[in-house]
Amino acid sequence: MNVSHQYIERATGQILDERFLGDRLIRMIYSPVRENAPALFNLLTSARVSTLLAAANYDIPLRGFHKRFIRDHRDWSECLEPEEVVKTPRAYFQRKIKYWECRPLDGHPDVVTSPADSRVIVGSLEDHSILFIKRKFFCLEELLGLDKHLWVDVFRDADFAVFRLTPDKYHYNHTPVSGKVVDFYVVPGGYHSCNPSAVMALADMYSKNKRVVTIIDTDVLNGTRIGLVAMIEVVALMIGDIAQCYSQYRYESPRRINKEMFLEKGVPKSLFRPGSSTVILLFEKERMQFSSDLLSNLHRQDVKSRLSQGLAGKPLVETDVEVRSEIALALR
């Protein structure tokens, strides 16, 4: 099997190869172990084992491997704190950056922005859309919660974007739109890896993991005005927590998300602790249009993507995007 995985770097247009931490182990767990030892597979993707693995990997002093990884992946000039204060991998993954300087926000009210430094694919749940992707990444009813019939009806033919954070990324999630919170809840689940091989091996992956759902009404005063938007933050293997820490000004005075709160676009909302994970956005049908470069990159034939496997040969290519950058525009 070809196990290479490539993506497109948005800033330069380059095709880059991704190197995965623990890739061989993940592929073993999601093939031989899952098929031949289901009890062991369930144990390995449980909350308890995920927490133990996180502690063993992220709460130890920085070693040569970690220092090389950090050196190769991060520009410390972005960070609020100097490199010297980072003593553990967890501290590195939970770093804060001067996003107001290094991740400029397009202030136009029609712009929808990326919630994270991440790799994104876009798609549609509407059968006749050119972006239609048959149920693979999630089952809508399970993703939103089996008792959330109202939201399932709202997003039945939704457009969606899946943002995959990798271990080197800045791990704060920012609000992609402005609007009022009309629902906020947690859906229990497992702790599966977000490695593309695992995602393609286990159907409806993101519906099976623990997740936090925020429903935002943008059709309000000072809102982005693209209807209802669902922001779904999905845990993963070694992600023990999603801390809700909404801050209107930089990282100051963080607050938990509550119903009726007004969220301003582009500010910190939550933090994955630690590792890598995923954010999914759902948009009401025909209320916004994805950015043209994300659409043109999606089906590139010259990029080797693991996400293309299992989709009848249809290319499915990620674009590396920065938090607070444009991913879509409102349709007026």
Protein backbone atom coordinates (compact mmCIF):
# COMPACT_ATOMS: atom_id res chain seq x y z
CA MET A 1 0.00 0.00 0.00
CA ASN A 2 1.22 3.50 -0.83
CA VAL A 3 1.40 5.23 2.56
CA SER A 4 2.69 8.60 1.42
CA HIS A 5 0.50 11.62 2.11
CA GLN A 6 0.80 15.01 0.48
CA TYR A 7 -1.01 18.32 0.86
CA ILE A 8 -0.88 21.77 -0.70
CA GLU A 9 0.61 24.66 1.21
CA ARG A 10 -1.74 27.56 0.61
CA ALA A 11 0.78 30.36 1.03
CA THR A 12 3.16 29.04 -1.65
CA GLY A 13 1.11 26.54 -3.69
CA GLN A 14 3.78 23.89 -3.07
CA ILE A 15 2.97 20.19 -2.80
CA LEU A 16 4.49 18.95 0.47
CA ASP A 17 4.93 15.54 2.08
CA GLU A 18 3.60 15.00 5.59
CA ARG A 19 5.52 12.94 8.12
CA PHE A 20 3.38 11.38 10.85
CA LEU A 21 4.41 10.74 14.44
CA GLY A 22 3.85 7.06 15.31
CA ASP A 23 2.52 6.36 11.82
CA ARG A 24 3.45 2.67 11.71
CA LEU A 25 1.75 2.03 15.07
CA ILE A 26 -1.42 3.87 14.01
CA ARG A 27 -1.67 1.89 10.77
CA MET A 28 -1.22 -1.35 12.72
CA ILE A 29 -3.94 -0.43 15.24
CA TYR A 30 -6.43 0.52 12.52
CA SER A 31 -5.88 -2.57 10.42
CA PRO A 32 -4.62 -5.82 12.03
CA VAL A 33 -5.57 -4.94 15.63
CA ARG A 34 -9.01 -3.57 14.76
CA GLU A 35 -9.80 -6.60 12.63
CA ASN A 36 -8.25 -9.37 14.74
CA ALA A 37 -8.46 -8.05 18.33
CA PRO A 38 -11.52 -5.79 18.67
CA ALA A 39 -11.39 -5.79 22.49
CA LEU A 40 -7.80 -4.54 22.43
CA PHE A 41 -8.72 -1.96 19.79
CA ASN A 42 -11.53 -0.61 21.99
CA LEU A 43 -9.16 -0.42 24.95
CA LEU A 44 -6.51 1.46 22.98
CA THR A 45 -9.06 4.09 21.87
CA SER A 46 -10.61 4.53 25.32
CA ALA A 47 -10.46 7.68 27.45
CA ARG A 48 -8.26 6.02 30.09
CA VAL A 49 -5.59 4.80 27.67
CA SER A 50 -5.68 8.08 25.75
CA THR A 51 -5.01 9.99 28.98
CA LEU A 52 -2.16 7.66 29.96
CA LEU A 53 -0.56 7.93 26.52
CA ALA A 54 -0.84 11.73 26.65
CA ALA A 55 0.87 11.87 30.04
CA ALA A 56 3.64 9.53 28.90
CA ASN A 57 4.28 11.55 25.75
CA TYR A 58 3.61 15.15 26.75
CA ASP A 59 4.32 15.56 30.47
CA ILE A 60 7.99 14.59 30.34
CA PRO A 61 11.01 16.92 30.03
CA LEU A 62 11.92 17.90 26.49
CA ARG A 63 14.34 15.42 24.95
CA GLY A 64 16.48 15.50 21.85
CA PHE A 65 13.67 14.25 19.61
CA HIS A 66 11.19 16.82 20.94
CA LYS A 67 13.72 19.63 20.64
CA ARG A 68 14.47 18.69 17.03
CA PHE A 69 10.75 18.46 16.25
CA ILE A 70 10.11 21.91 17.72
CA ARG A 71 13.14 23.39 16.00
CA ASP A 72 12.02 22.06 12.62
CA HIS A 73 8.38 23.17 12.93
CA ARG A 74 8.09 26.44 14.77
CA ASP A 75 9.10 30.08 14.40
CA TRP A 76 9.54 31.23 17.98
CA SER A 77 9.16 34.86 16.96
CA GLU A 78 5.39 34.17 16.74
CA CYS A 79 5.14 33.04 20.35
CA LEU A 80 4.24 35.16 23.36
CA GLU A 81 6.75 33.40 25.60
CA PRO A 82 10.43 32.75 24.88
CA GLU A 83 11.62 29.25 23.99
CA GLU A 84 13.42 28.91 27.33
CA VAL A 85 10.19 28.68 29.36
CA VAL A 86 8.91 25.65 27.43
CA LYS A 87 10.04 22.64 29.49
CA THR A 88 7.66 19.88 28.29
CA PRO A 89 6.00 18.87 25.01
CA ARG A 90 2.62 19.80 26.56
CA ALA A 91 3.81 23.36 27.15
CA TYR A 92 4.84 23.56 23.51
CA PHE A 93 1.51 22.29 22.20
CA GLN A 94 -0.41 24.72 24.43
CA ARG A 95 1.68 27.75 23.43
CA LYS A 96 0.11 31.12 22.73
CA ILE A 97 1.03 33.20 19.71
CA LYS A 98 0.78 36.87 18.80
CA TYR A 99 -2.05 36.06 16.42
CA TRP A 100 -3.06 39.73 16.11
CA GLU A 101 0.29 40.26 14.36
CA CYS A 102 1.19 36.95 12.66
CA ARG A 103 -2.34 35.80 11.69
CA PRO A 104 -4.01 39.00 10.39
CA LEU A 105 -7.80 38.96 10.19
CA ASP A 106 -9.77 40.13 7.17
CA GLY A 107 -12.27 42.41 8.85
CA HIS A 108 -14.84 42.30 6.03
CA PRO A 109 -18.18 41.13 7.50
CA ASP A 110 -18.81 38.67 4.63
CA VAL A 111 -15.68 36.60 5.28
CA VAL A 112 -15.73 33.22 7.05
CA THR A 113 -12.34 32.39 8.55
CA SER A 114 -10.40 29.25 9.38
CA PRO A 115 -10.83 28.20 13.02
CA ALA A 116 -7.31 26.74 13.25
CA ASP A 117 -3.85 26.37 11.82
CA SER A 118 -4.72 23.15 10.03
CA ARG A 119 -5.19 21.14 6.85
CA VAL A 120 -8.65 21.45 5.39
CA ILE A 121 -10.95 19.65 2.98
CA VAL A 122 -14.38 20.97 2.02
CA GLY A 123 -17.47 19.13 0.87
CA SER A 124 -21.25 18.91 0.77
CA LEU A 125 -23.93 16.58 2.13
CA GLU A 126 -26.28 17.55 -0.72
CA ASP A 127 -26.59 14.68 -3.20
CA HIS A 128 -26.52 16.85 -6.31
CA SER A 129 -23.66 19.12 -5.29
CA ILE A 130 -20.35 18.86 -7.17
CA LEU A 131 -18.77 18.76 -3.68
CA PHE A 132 -20.84 15.79 -2.53
CA ILE A 133 -18.78 13.28 -0.54
CA LYS A 134 -20.65 10.10 0.32
CA ARG A 135 -20.84 9.45 4.05
CA LYS A 136 -17.28 8.63 5.05
CA PHE A 137 -15.95 11.15 7.54
CA PHE A 138 -19.10 11.40 9.63
CA CYS A 139 -22.75 10.47 9.93
CA LEU A 140 -24.67 13.71 10.44
CA GLU A 141 -27.19 12.26 12.93
CA GLU A 142 -24.44 10.77 15.08
CA LEU A 143 -22.11 13.75 14.69
CA LEU A 144 -24.64 16.25 16.06
CA GLY A 145 -26.19 13.83 18.58
CA LEU A 146 -28.99 11.31 18.10
CA ASP A 147 -31.41 13.44 20.13
CA LYS A 148 -30.64 16.70 18.27
CA HIS A 149 -33.34 16.40 15.60
CA LEU A 150 -33.67 20.16 15.09
CA TRP A 151 -30.01 20.62 14.17
CA VAL A 152 -29.98 17.48 12.01
CA ASP A 153 -32.88 18.93 9.99
CA VAL A 154 -31.15 22.31 9.68
CA PHE A 155 -27.90 20.82 8.39
CA ARG A 156 -29.37 17.93 6.35
CA ASP A 157 -27.87 19.23 3.06
CA ALA A 158 -25.10 21.28 4.63
CA ASP A 159 -21.79 22.30 3.19
CA PHE A 160 -18.94 21.32 5.48
CA ALA A 161 -15.24 21.86 6.12
CA VAL A 162 -12.99 19.47 8.04
CA PHE A 163 -9.89 21.03 9.63
CA ARG A 164 -7.20 18.56 10.75
CA LEU A 165 -4.66 19.86 13.24
CA THR A 166 -1.25 18.18 13.26
CA PRO A 167 1.04 17.95 16.34
CA ASP A 168 3.22 20.88 15.28
CA LYS A 169 0.27 23.28 14.94
CA TYR A 170 -0.85 26.07 17.23
CA HIS A 171 -3.66 24.37 19.18
CA TYR A 172 -6.06 27.19 20.02
CA ASN A 173 -9.28 27.21 17.98
CA HIS A 174 -10.69 30.60 16.97
CA THR A 175 -14.24 31.59 16.11
CA PRO A 176 -14.84 31.37 12.32
CA VAL A 177 -17.91 33.65 12.31
CA SER A 178 -19.63 36.28 14.44
CA GLY A 179 -22.97 35.44 16.00
CA LYS A 180 -24.99 34.35 19.02
CA VAL A 181 -24.65 30.91 20.62
CA VAL A 182 -28.05 29.15 20.46
CA ASP A 183 -26.86 25.73 21.66
CA PHE A 184 -23.75 24.27 23.27
CA TYR A 185 -23.30 20.65 24.36
CA VAL A 186 -20.93 17.69 24.61
CA VAL A 187 -21.45 14.37 22.79
CA PRO A 188 -19.61 11.43 24.43
CA GLY A 189 -17.44 9.08 22.39
CA GLY A 190 -14.04 7.48 21.94
CA TYR A 191 -10.53 8.78 21.31
CA HIS A 192 -9.59 7.61 17.81
CA SER A 193 -6.55 8.89 15.95
CA CYS A 194 -7.04 11.61 13.31
CA ASN A 195 -4.24 10.22 11.15
CA PRO A 196 -5.66 10.03 7.58
CA SER A 197 -5.03 6.28 7.48
CA ALA A 198 -7.18 5.82 10.58
CA VAL A 199 -9.87 8.13 9.20
CA MET A 200 -10.16 6.16 5.98
CA ALA A 201 -10.02 2.78 7.78
CA LEU A 202 -12.89 3.55 10.17
CA ALA A 203 -16.05 4.92 8.52
CA ASP A 204 -17.80 7.84 10.23
CA MET A 205 -14.65 8.43 12.30
CA TYR A 206 -15.59 11.87 13.60
CA SER A 207 -19.04 10.68 14.69
CA LYS A 208 -17.41 8.13 16.97
CA ASN A 209 -15.13 10.45 18.95
CA LYS A 210 -16.06 12.66 21.89
CA ARG A 211 -16.91 16.13 20.64
CA VAL A 212 -18.11 19.57 21.66
CA VAL A 213 -20.83 21.19 19.54
CA THR A 214 -21.50 24.93 19.35
CA ILE A 215 -24.43 26.15 17.23
CA ILE A 216 -24.05 29.81 16.23
CA ASP A 217 -26.81 32.03 14.79
CA THR A 218 -25.06 34.52 12.50
CA ASP A 219 -28.29 36.23 11.35
CA VAL A 220 -28.14 38.69 14.25
CA LEU A 221 -26.94 42.25 14.72
CA ASN A 222 -23.21 42.39 13.85
CA GLY A 223 -23.28 38.74 12.78
CA THR A 224 -21.69 37.26 9.65
CA ARG A 225 -25.20 36.62 8.24
CA ILE A 226 -24.81 33.16 6.73
CA GLY A 227 -27.50 31.48 8.81
CA LEU A 228 -26.78 28.84 11.42
CA VAL A 229 -23.26 27.46 11.71
CA ALA A 230 -22.24 24.37 13.69
CA MET A 231 -18.68 24.32 15.06
CA ILE A 232 -17.77 20.81 16.19
CA GLU A 233 -14.51 20.27 18.07
CA VAL A 234 -13.49 16.61 17.98
CA VAL A 235 -11.07 14.95 20.40
CA ALA A 236 -8.50 12.39 19.24
CA LEU A 237 -6.02 9.89 20.58
CA MET A 238 -4.05 11.59 23.40
CA ILE A 239 -6.40 14.60 23.40
CA GLY A 240 -7.70 14.53 26.96
CA ASP A 241 -9.59 17.79 27.00
CA ILE A 242 -11.08 20.64 24.98
CA ALA A 243 -10.84 23.69 27.22
CA GLN A 244 -13.40 26.38 26.40
CA CYS A 245 -11.63 29.72 26.91
CA TYR A 246 -13.31 32.42 24.82
CA SER A 247 -11.36 35.69 24.99
CA GLN A 248 -12.52 38.83 23.24
CA TYR A 249 -9.13 40.51 23.60
CA ARG A 250 -6.08 38.36 22.95
CA TYR A 251 -6.00 35.67 25.69
CA GLU A 252 -7.25 37.86 28.51
CA SER A 253 -10.23 37.05 30.79
CA PRO A 254 -11.09 33.67 29.22
CA ARG A 255 -14.72 32.48 29.63
CA ARG A 256 -16.61 29.25 29.07
CA ILE A 257 -19.09 29.17 26.20
CA ASN A 258 -22.74 29.58 27.22
CA LYS A 259 -26.02 29.98 25.37
CA GLU A 260 -26.92 33.54 24.39
CA MET A 261 -23.24 34.63 24.32
CA PHE A 262 -22.23 36.75 21.34
CA LEU A 263 -19.03 35.49 19.76
CA GLU A 264 -16.80 37.80 17.77
CA LYS A 265 -15.09 36.37 14.71
CA GLY A 266 -11.40 35.50 14.84
CA VAL A 267 -10.78 35.39 18.59
CA PRO A 268 -9.68 32.40 20.73
CA LYS A 269 -12.55 30.06 21.63
CA SER A 270 -10.99 26.82 22.87
CA LEU A 271 -7.79 24.84 23.29
CA PHE A 272 -7.03 21.21 22.44
CA ARG A 273 -4.89 19.58 25.14
CA PRO A 274 -2.51 18.37 23.51
CA GLY A 275 -1.49 16.49 20.31
CA SER A 276 -3.61 16.72 17.17
CA SER A 277 -7.34 16.82 16.54
CA THR A 278 -10.11 18.08 14.25
CA VAL A 279 -12.64 20.89 13.88
CA ILE A 280 -15.70 20.47 11.62
CA LEU A 281 -17.83 23.38 10.42
CA LEU A 282 -21.34 22.85 9.03
CA PHE A 283 -23.06 25.60 7.02
CA GLU A 284 -26.66 25.93 5.90
CA LYS A 285 -27.12 25.17 2.22
CA GLU A 286 -26.58 28.06 -0.22
CA ARG A 287 -25.59 30.61 2.43
CA MET A 288 -21.86 30.79 1.66
CA GLN A 289 -19.27 29.92 -1.02
CA PHE A 290 -15.92 28.28 -0.29
CA SER A 291 -12.75 30.08 -1.41
CA SER A 292 -11.76 29.24 -4.98
CA ASP A 293 -8.28 27.92 -4.17
CA LEU A 294 -9.66 25.39 -1.65
CA LEU A 295 -12.05 24.15 -4.34
CA SER A 296 -9.43 23.93 -7.09
CA ASN A 297 -6.96 22.12 -4.81
CA LEU A 298 -9.52 19.59 -3.63
CA HIS A 299 -9.44 17.30 -6.68
CA ARG A 300 -5.87 17.79 -7.87
CA GLN A 301 -4.67 14.69 -9.72
CA ASP A 302 -0.96 15.36 -9.09
CA VAL A 303 -1.11 15.12 -5.26
CA LYS A 304 -0.84 11.78 -3.41
CA SER A 305 -3.39 11.89 -0.59
CA ARG A 306 -4.35 9.05 1.74
CA LEU A 307 -7.83 10.58 1.87
CA SER A 308 -8.34 9.55 -1.76
CA GLN A 309 -8.25 5.89 -0.75
CA GLY A 310 -11.66 4.30 -0.45
CA LEU A 311 -13.37 7.00 -2.53
CA ALA A 312 -13.43 5.09 -5.83
CA GLY A 313 -10.28 6.84 -6.99
CA LYS A 314 -11.70 10.33 -6.55
CA PRO A 315 -8.88 12.67 -5.49
CA LEU A 316 -9.38 14.39 -2.14
CA VAL A 317 -6.58 16.81 -1.29
CA GLU A 318 -6.03 18.94 1.81
CA THR A 319 -4.89 22.56 1.78
CA ASP A 320 -2.77 23.87 4.65
CA VAL A 321 -4.42 27.04 5.98
CA GLU A 322 -3.72 29.49 8.78
CA VAL A 323 -6.13 30.39 11.55
CA ARG A 324 -8.16 33.58 10.82
CA SER A 325 -7.53 33.31 7.05
CA GLU A 326 -10.44 33.42 4.60
CA ILE A 327 -12.07 30.07 3.77
CA ALA A 328 -15.45 31.26 2.45
CA LEU A 329 -17.62 34.25 1.64
CA ALA A 330 -21.27 34.89 2.49
CA LEU A 331 -23.72 34.69 -0.42
CA ARG A 332 -25.95 37.77 -0.57
